[in-house]
N, C-alpha and C. Protein backbone atom coordinates (compact mmCIF):
# COMPACT_ATOMS: atom_id res chain seq x y z
N GLY A 1 0.64 -1.26 0.17
CA GLY A 1 0.02 -0.19 0.08
C GLY A 1 0.94 1.17 0.01
N ARG A 2 0.32 2.50 -0.26
CA ARG A 2 1.00 3.78 -0.35
C ARG A 2 0.51 4.48 1.15
N PHE A 3 1.67 5.10 1.25
CA PHE A 3 1.42 6.02 2.69
C PHE A 3 0.75 7.38 2.12
N ASP A 4 -0.04 7.93 3.17
CA ASP A 4 -0.58 9.10 2.87
C ASP A 4 0.41 10.11 3.53
N TRP A 5 1.27 11.15 2.67
CA TRP A 5 2.10 11.93 3.62
C TRP A 5 1.56 13.12 3.86
N ARG A 6 0.26 13.44 3.50
CA ARG A 6 -0.13 14.58 3.65
C ARG A 6 -0.48 15.15 5.20
N GLU A 7 0.07 16.04 5.58
CA GLU A 7 -0.22 16.38 6.99
C GLU A 7 -1.40 17.08 7.18
N SER A 8 -2.00 17.78 6.47
CA SER A 8 -3.62 18.09 6.72
C SER A 8 -4.37 17.25 6.14
N ARG A 9 -5.20 16.39 6.78
CA ARG A 9 -6.26 15.59 6.03
C ARG A 9 -7.38 15.75 6.73
N ALA A 10 -8.02 16.78 6.43
CA ALA A 10 -9.16 17.34 7.25
C ALA A 10 -9.14 16.92 8.73
N GLY A 11 -8.14 17.35 9.46
CA GLY A 11 -7.97 17.29 10.94
C GLY A 11 -7.85 15.77 11.26
N LYS A 12 -7.51 14.95 10.39
CA LYS A 12 -7.16 13.57 10.63
C LYS A 12 -5.91 13.16 10.61
N ALA A 13 -4.94 14.10 10.36
CA ALA A 13 -3.51 13.45 10.18
C ALA A 13 -2.86 13.08 11.40
N TYR A 14 -3.27 13.53 12.68
CA TYR A 14 -2.75 13.30 14.15
C TYR A 14 -3.26 12.70 14.90
N ARG A 15 -4.49 12.01 14.83
CA ARG A 15 -5.41 11.23 15.48
C ARG A 15 -4.93 9.91 15.78
N HIS A 16 -5.15 9.52 16.94
CA HIS A 16 -4.83 8.08 17.45
C HIS A 16 -5.19 6.80 16.93
N THR A 17 -6.27 7.22 15.98
CA THR A 17 -6.61 6.00 15.22
C THR A 17 -6.06 5.89 13.79
N ASN A 18 -5.08 6.88 13.64
CA ASN A 18 -4.60 6.92 12.24
C ASN A 18 -3.10 6.32 11.92
N ASN A 19 -3.18 5.17 11.27
CA ASN A 19 -1.58 4.50 11.02
C ASN A 19 -0.85 5.18 9.99
N GLN A 20 -0.97 6.44 9.77
CA GLN A 20 -0.31 6.93 8.24
C GLN A 20 1.04 7.62 8.95
N PRO A 21 1.66 8.11 8.16
CA PRO A 21 2.96 8.66 8.83
C PRO A 21 2.71 9.92 9.63
N TYR A 22 1.96 10.51 9.68
CA TYR A 22 1.57 11.66 10.71
C TYR A 22 0.67 11.17 12.01
N GLY A 23 0.08 9.99 11.56
CA GLY A 23 -0.89 9.50 12.70
C GLY A 23 -0.04 9.02 14.05
N THR A 24 -0.88 9.03 15.08
CA THR A 24 -0.12 8.57 16.17
C THR A 24 -0.71 7.34 16.97
N GLU A 25 -1.22 6.41 16.02
CA GLU A 25 -1.98 5.20 16.48
C GLU A 25 -0.45 4.48 16.99
N VAL A 26 0.66 4.40 16.58
CA VAL A 26 1.57 3.67 17.07
C VAL A 26 1.99 4.16 18.62
N LEU A 27 2.30 5.44 18.45
CA LEU A 27 2.33 5.91 19.71
C LEU A 27 1.21 5.72 20.80
N PHE A 28 -0.02 5.84 20.29
CA PHE A 28 -0.96 5.45 21.40
C PHE A 28 -1.02 4.08 22.05
N ASN A 29 -0.67 3.04 21.11
CA ASN A 29 -0.66 1.77 21.34
C ASN A 29 0.72 1.63 22.23
N LEU A 30 1.58 2.10 22.12
CA LEU A 30 2.97 1.98 22.82
C LEU A 30 2.65 2.61 24.14
N LEU A 31 1.95 3.57 24.44
CA LEU A 31 1.55 4.32 25.61
C LEU A 31 0.86 3.40 26.52
N ASN A 32 0.00 2.90 25.77
CA ASN A 32 -1.05 1.91 26.44
C ASN A 32 -0.46 0.84 27.01
N GLY A 33 0.58 0.12 26.35
CA GLY A 33 1.40 -1.04 26.95
C GLY A 33 2.54 -0.38 27.60
N TYR A 34 2.86 0.64 27.73
CA TYR A 34 3.78 1.30 28.78
C TYR A 34 3.61 1.24 30.27
N PHE A 35 2.10 1.67 30.18
CA PHE A 35 1.37 2.07 31.61
C PHE A 35 0.64 0.96 31.77
N PRO A 36 0.76 -0.25 32.20
CA PRO A 36 -0.26 -1.59 32.46
C PRO A 36 -1.02 -1.13 33.36
N GLY A 37 -2.23 -1.35 33.40
CA GLY A 37 -3.32 -1.05 34.43
C GLY A 37 -3.84 0.12 34.49
N GLU A 38 -3.21 1.06 33.69
CA GLU A 38 -3.73 2.27 33.77
C GLU A 38 -4.18 2.84 32.40
N THR A 39 -4.98 3.92 32.46
CA THR A 39 -6.05 4.38 31.28
C THR A 39 -5.28 5.42 30.47
N VAL A 40 -5.35 5.27 29.39
CA VAL A 40 -4.64 6.45 28.32
C VAL A 40 -6.07 6.68 27.79
N ARG A 41 -6.21 8.30 28.06
CA ARG A 41 -7.47 8.91 27.48
C ARG A 41 -7.27 9.93 26.56
N VAL A 42 -7.93 10.09 25.59
CA VAL A 42 -7.93 10.90 24.56
C VAL A 42 -8.79 12.40 25.05
N LEU A 43 -8.00 13.34 25.16
CA LEU A 43 -9.02 14.64 25.73
C LEU A 43 -9.80 15.22 24.29
N ARG A 44 -10.87 15.24 24.64
CA ARG A 44 -11.58 15.89 23.35
C ARG A 44 -12.08 17.52 23.70
N LYS A 45 -12.02 17.95 24.99
CA LYS A 45 -12.57 19.23 25.28
C LYS A 45 -11.32 20.09 25.61
N LYS A 46 -11.45 21.41 25.96
CA LYS A 46 -10.44 22.18 25.92
C LYS A 46 -9.73 21.82 27.15
N VAL A 47 -8.35 21.96 27.10
CA VAL A 47 -7.09 21.65 28.35
C VAL A 47 -7.60 22.25 29.61
N ALA A 48 -8.39 23.14 29.86
CA ALA A 48 -8.63 23.93 30.81
C ALA A 48 -9.96 23.01 31.56
N ASP A 49 -10.56 22.41 30.70
CA ASP A 49 -11.84 21.99 31.11
C ASP A 49 -11.48 20.35 31.41
N ASP A 50 -10.57 19.62 30.93
CA ASP A 50 -10.37 18.22 30.55
C ASP A 50 -9.31 17.68 31.31
N LEU A 51 -7.96 18.58 31.63
CA LEU A 51 -6.89 18.13 32.13
C LEU A 51 -6.92 17.99 33.60
N PRO A 52 -6.69 16.49 33.98
CA PRO A 52 -7.20 16.71 35.47
C PRO A 52 -6.07 16.88 36.51
N LEU A 53 -6.27 17.62 37.42
CA LEU A 53 -5.31 17.95 38.51
C LEU A 53 -5.33 17.27 39.66
N ASP A 54 -6.27 16.39 39.73
CA ASP A 54 -6.23 15.23 41.00
C ASP A 54 -5.51 13.99 40.74
N THR A 55 -4.94 13.83 39.74
CA THR A 55 -4.22 12.78 39.49
C THR A 55 -2.80 12.69 39.36
N VAL A 56 -1.99 12.19 40.42
CA VAL A 56 -0.46 12.13 40.27
C VAL A 56 -0.01 10.75 40.58
N PRO A 57 1.02 10.37 39.71
CA PRO A 57 1.54 11.15 38.53
C PRO A 57 0.64 10.76 37.43
N ALA A 58 0.56 11.68 36.71
CA ALA A 58 -0.09 11.44 35.26
C ALA A 58 0.95 12.18 34.13
N SER A 59 0.59 11.71 32.93
CA SER A 59 1.29 12.50 31.88
C SER A 59 0.30 12.80 30.80
N TYR A 60 0.79 14.20 30.15
CA TYR A 60 -0.21 14.66 29.18
C TYR A 60 0.72 14.81 27.95
N VAL A 61 0.38 14.27 26.85
CA VAL A 61 1.18 14.20 25.71
C VAL A 61 0.46 14.59 24.25
N VAL A 62 0.99 15.62 23.61
CA VAL A 62 0.46 16.37 22.39
C VAL A 62 1.56 16.11 21.38
N VAL A 63 0.55 15.81 20.29
CA VAL A 63 1.33 15.41 19.02
C VAL A 63 0.51 16.18 17.94
N GLY A 64 0.94 17.42 17.25
CA GLY A 64 0.25 17.94 16.22
C GLY A 64 1.00 19.05 15.57
N GLU A 65 0.25 19.64 14.65
CA GLU A 65 0.98 20.70 13.86
C GLU A 65 0.94 21.97 14.55
N GLY A 66 -0.15 22.19 15.30
CA GLY A 66 -0.07 23.46 16.02
C GLY A 66 -0.74 23.14 17.48
N MET A 67 -0.64 24.02 18.52
CA MET A 67 -1.44 24.18 19.81
C MET A 67 -2.09 25.51 19.85
N PHE A 68 -3.18 25.17 20.15
CA PHE A 68 -3.80 26.56 20.07
C PHE A 68 -4.83 26.72 21.50
N TYR A 69 -3.88 27.02 22.40
CA TYR A 69 -4.22 27.43 23.80
C TYR A 69 -4.61 28.72 24.36
N ASP A 70 -5.46 28.98 24.74
CA ASP A 70 -5.71 30.31 25.50
C ASP A 70 -5.13 30.47 26.97
N SER A 71 -5.09 31.38 27.52
CA SER A 71 -4.60 31.68 28.76
C SER A 71 -5.20 30.53 30.07
N LEU A 72 -6.41 30.39 29.87
CA LEU A 72 -6.82 29.53 30.84
C LEU A 72 -6.31 27.77 30.51
N ASP A 73 -6.29 27.59 29.37
CA ASP A 73 -5.43 26.51 28.90
C ASP A 73 -4.14 26.20 29.47
N LEU A 74 -3.31 27.45 29.17
CA LEU A 74 -1.86 27.46 29.65
C LEU A 74 -1.86 27.53 31.18
N ARG A 75 -2.59 28.34 32.15
CA ARG A 75 -2.66 27.93 33.34
C ARG A 75 -2.97 26.43 33.72
N ARG A 76 -3.90 26.16 33.09
CA ARG A 76 -4.08 24.73 33.67
C ARG A 76 -2.95 23.69 33.31
N LEU A 77 -2.37 23.90 32.39
CA LEU A 77 -1.06 22.86 31.79
C LEU A 77 -0.18 23.08 32.82
N MET A 78 0.29 24.50 33.30
CA MET A 78 1.17 24.74 33.98
C MET A 78 0.91 24.27 35.75
N ALA A 79 -0.26 24.30 35.88
CA ALA A 79 -0.62 23.80 37.24
C ALA A 79 -0.54 22.21 37.12
N PHE A 80 -0.78 21.43 36.37
CA PHE A 80 -0.66 20.21 35.83
C PHE A 80 0.58 19.68 36.19
N VAL A 81 1.56 20.42 35.56
CA VAL A 81 3.04 20.26 35.71
C VAL A 81 3.50 20.63 37.04
N GLU A 82 3.07 21.48 37.65
CA GLU A 82 3.82 21.96 39.01
C GLU A 82 3.27 21.06 40.12
N LYS A 83 2.13 20.32 39.72
CA LYS A 83 1.74 19.13 40.68
C LYS A 83 2.26 18.05 40.92
N GLY A 84 3.63 17.93 39.86
CA GLY A 84 4.50 16.78 39.50
C GLY A 84 4.29 16.01 38.39
N ASN A 85 3.12 16.29 37.51
CA ASN A 85 2.98 15.74 36.49
C ASN A 85 3.87 15.98 35.25
N THR A 86 3.68 15.17 34.18
CA THR A 86 4.69 15.34 33.17
C THR A 86 3.76 15.77 32.03
N ALA A 87 4.55 16.63 30.96
CA ALA A 87 4.21 17.32 29.64
C ALA A 87 4.62 16.76 28.72
N LEU A 88 4.63 16.24 27.79
CA LEU A 88 5.39 16.22 26.30
C LEU A 88 4.64 16.89 25.23
N LEU A 89 5.02 17.82 24.91
CA LEU A 89 4.43 18.83 23.69
C LEU A 89 5.45 18.65 22.29
N CYS A 90 4.80 17.88 21.32
CA CYS A 90 5.37 17.90 20.17
C CYS A 90 4.44 18.43 18.88
N SER A 91 5.27 19.58 18.61
CA SER A 91 4.26 20.42 17.65
C SER A 91 5.39 21.25 16.85
N LYS A 92 4.97 21.85 15.63
CA LYS A 92 5.71 22.57 14.97
C LYS A 92 5.86 24.04 15.55
N SER A 93 4.71 24.32 16.26
CA SER A 93 4.87 25.59 17.26
C SER A 93 4.09 25.46 18.22
N LEU A 94 4.67 26.24 19.40
CA LEU A 94 4.09 26.31 20.69
C LEU A 94 3.71 27.70 21.06
N PRO A 95 2.72 27.76 21.67
CA PRO A 95 2.13 29.10 22.31
C PRO A 95 3.27 30.10 22.57
N ILE A 96 3.34 31.19 22.23
CA ILE A 96 4.44 32.03 22.63
C ILE A 96 4.58 32.35 24.20
N ASP A 97 3.22 32.32 24.87
CA ASP A 97 3.13 32.66 26.04
C ASP A 97 3.72 31.41 26.83
N LEU A 98 3.86 30.29 26.27
CA LEU A 98 4.65 29.07 27.09
C LEU A 98 6.04 28.90 26.94
N MET A 99 6.57 29.19 25.36
CA MET A 99 7.81 29.50 25.15
C MET A 99 8.59 30.45 26.26
N THR A 100 7.84 31.53 26.12
CA THR A 100 8.48 32.53 27.13
C THR A 100 8.49 32.62 28.70
N ARG A 101 7.67 31.55 29.15
CA ARG A 101 7.68 31.50 30.62
C ARG A 101 8.70 30.75 31.05
N MET A 102 9.54 31.48 31.87
CA MET A 102 10.85 30.74 32.55
C MET A 102 10.75 30.51 33.79
N ASP A 103 9.57 30.94 34.63
CA ASP A 103 9.60 30.82 36.15
C ASP A 103 9.21 29.78 36.48
């Protein structure tokens, strides 16, 4: 078969169910196997609404072309990490407020 190397496939390129070059199906399956007995969830809402603050340790993984976070999302992400959790952000561009935050 042929691979689909298009990065923007109507919002489907980075989905956890996509096995094409930009898809994250392999990563999703690896994460499921790496944390036995734990649940890997796909967040569907805004980070400010869906990222848990009461679970430690937890990991948040983002793979995508861009990250479109508002100030509430960024505050929630920072609070998540400050509680001892881990965030792995893989993107072509990060929010400028996140890149310049050094404290």
